Structure formats: C-alpha cells, structure tokens
Amino acid sequence: MENTTVDLVVTDLKMPKIGGLDLVRHVCENLKDTEIMVITGYPSIDGAVTAVKIGAEEYLAKPFTDGELLAAVQRALVKLHARGWATPPASARPPPMD
C-alpha cells in the first residue's frame, strides 16, 4: 500500500490475520492522506470511540444499506477533498453552471 495512492480504506474490525484497529493504526501512521472507514458486525460504543480516536473517520455497523454505505463513503471522500487530497465524489460536487 505504501507505493499506491489510496483515498479510502474500508476495513472490518474482525479479520482472520490482522485486526481492523491494527490496520487503522498502520494506515494512520503510514498513509496520512488516506481516509479510513471501519465496518463491523459487532458494534459497540467502545469500539466506535476507539476506532475514531485512532483515526477512523467513519464507523458503520452491519447490516447497513447500500445507501448508508454510499453516504459514509461520500462523507469520507468529502473530508479528504476538504483537506485538498482528492477529487470529491460526483454527488458531492456542485452542479455545473450554465
């Protein structure tokens, strides 16, 4: 990942080889221009607070709808754009002026 530009990392909290919070820490330390969204089937207030404190911008509990996922992705990319690192998603851009 260090040699590739990544705008957004979406990670689950529970994975077989590395925990999602470990990945959040790694991304925060090594890919400073990358937004992070955590998804989980085991949501908790403590888990959400921890994920956000260490650098996740979004925390989404499963099950979620396509619309909830899209909205979370758009929010994360808008935040990234606000810092000047990415082009905002088309739905977040103002309409062209005629």
Protein backbone atom coordinates (compact mmCIF):
# COMPACT_ATOMS: atom_id res chain seq x y z
CA MET A 1 0.00 0.00 0.00
CA GLU A 2 2.89 2.38 0.59
CA ASN A 3 3.58 2.67 -3.16
CA THR A 4 -0.03 3.21 -4.22
CA THR A 5 -2.23 6.25 -3.73
CA VAL A 6 -5.26 5.20 -1.72
CA ASP A 7 -8.04 7.67 -0.95
CA LEU A 8 -10.13 5.43 1.30
CA VAL A 9 -9.56 2.21 3.22
CA VAL A 10 -12.65 0.27 4.28
CA THR A 11 -11.86 -2.37 6.88
CA ASP A 12 -13.80 -4.76 9.03
CA LEU A 13 -12.94 -4.86 12.73
CA LYS A 14 -12.77 -8.65 12.85
CA MET A 15 -10.50 -10.26 10.27
CA PRO A 16 -8.57 -13.54 10.35
CA LYS A 17 -4.93 -12.36 10.32
CA ILE A 18 -4.93 -8.73 11.43
CA GLY A 19 -7.43 -6.80 13.50
CA GLY A 20 -9.17 -3.85 11.94
CA LEU A 21 -7.88 -1.50 14.63
CA ASP A 22 -4.32 -2.60 13.86
CA LEU A 23 -4.94 -1.75 10.21
CA VAL A 24 -6.39 1.64 11.18
CA ARG A 25 -3.22 2.37 13.19
CA HIS A 26 -1.00 1.25 10.30
CA VAL A 27 -2.84 3.41 7.77
CA CYS A 28 -2.79 6.44 10.09
CA GLU A 29 0.94 6.08 10.65
CA ASN A 30 1.93 5.30 7.07
CA LEU A 31 -0.72 6.74 4.73
CA LYS A 32 -1.52 10.12 6.19
CA ASP A 33 -3.52 11.24 3.14
CA THR A 34 -5.95 8.32 3.36
CA GLU A 35 -9.39 8.27 4.97
CA ILE A 36 -10.45 5.19 6.93
CA MET A 37 -13.88 3.65 7.36
CA VAL A 38 -14.46 0.80 9.82
CA ILE A 39 -17.34 -1.62 9.38
CA THR A 40 -18.36 -4.22 11.92
CA GLY A 41 -20.92 -6.84 12.70
CA TYR A 42 -20.09 -6.43 16.37
CA PRO A 43 -20.80 -2.73 17.02
CA SER A 44 -20.19 -1.14 20.39
CA ILE A 45 -19.80 2.36 21.72
CA ASP A 46 -16.30 1.50 22.99
CA GLY A 47 -15.36 0.09 19.60
CA ALA A 48 -16.62 3.17 17.79
CA VAL A 49 -14.85 5.55 20.17
CA THR A 50 -11.58 3.63 19.91
CA ALA A 51 -11.74 3.44 16.11
CA VAL A 52 -12.38 7.18 15.80
CA LYS A 53 -9.74 8.09 18.39
CA ILE A 54 -7.04 6.21 16.50
CA GLY A 55 -8.02 7.67 13.14
CA ALA A 56 -11.13 6.20 11.54
CA GLU A 57 -13.38 8.84 10.00
CA GLU A 58 -16.42 6.59 9.71
CA TYR A 59 -17.76 3.65 11.75
CA LEU A 60 -20.58 1.68 10.18
CA ALA A 61 -22.44 -1.17 11.88
CA LYS A 62 -23.62 -4.18 9.88
CA PRO A 63 -26.11 -4.74 8.49
CA PHE A 64 -26.19 -1.49 6.56
CA THR A 65 -27.97 -0.50 3.39
CA ASP A 66 -26.31 0.39 0.12
CA GLY A 67 -27.40 3.98 0.75
CA GLU A 68 -25.79 4.07 4.20
CA LEU A 69 -22.54 2.70 2.77
CA LEU A 70 -22.56 5.16 -0.12
CA ALA A 71 -23.27 8.07 2.24
CA ALA A 72 -20.39 7.07 4.54
CA VAL A 73 -18.01 6.75 1.57
CA GLN A 74 -19.09 10.14 0.26
CA ARG A 75 -18.61 11.79 3.67
CA ALA A 76 -15.12 10.33 3.96
CA LEU A 77 -14.14 11.46 0.47
CA VAL A 78 -15.58 14.94 1.03
CA LYS A 79 -13.42 15.20 4.19
CA LEU A 80 -10.41 14.10 2.17
CA HIS A 81 -11.19 16.68 -0.50
CA ALA A 82 -11.62 19.39 2.13
CA ARG A 83 -8.01 18.75 3.12
CA GLY A 84 -7.04 19.09 -0.54
CA TRP A 85 -6.08 15.49 -1.24
CA ALA A 86 -8.74 14.10 -3.57
CA THR A 87 -11.41 14.98 -6.08
CA PRO A 88 -14.81 14.95 -4.36
CA PRO A 89 -17.32 12.31 -5.45
CA ALA A 90 -19.60 13.47 -8.28
CA SER A 91 -22.64 13.55 -6.00
CA ALA A 92 -20.85 15.94 -3.63
CA ARG A 93 -19.83 18.40 -6.34
CA PRO A 94 -21.99 21.41 -7.13
CA PRO A 95 -23.86 21.22 -10.44
CA PRO A 96 -22.19 22.89 -13.43
CA MET A 97 -23.12 26.50 -14.02
CA ASP A 98 -24.77 27.27 -17.35
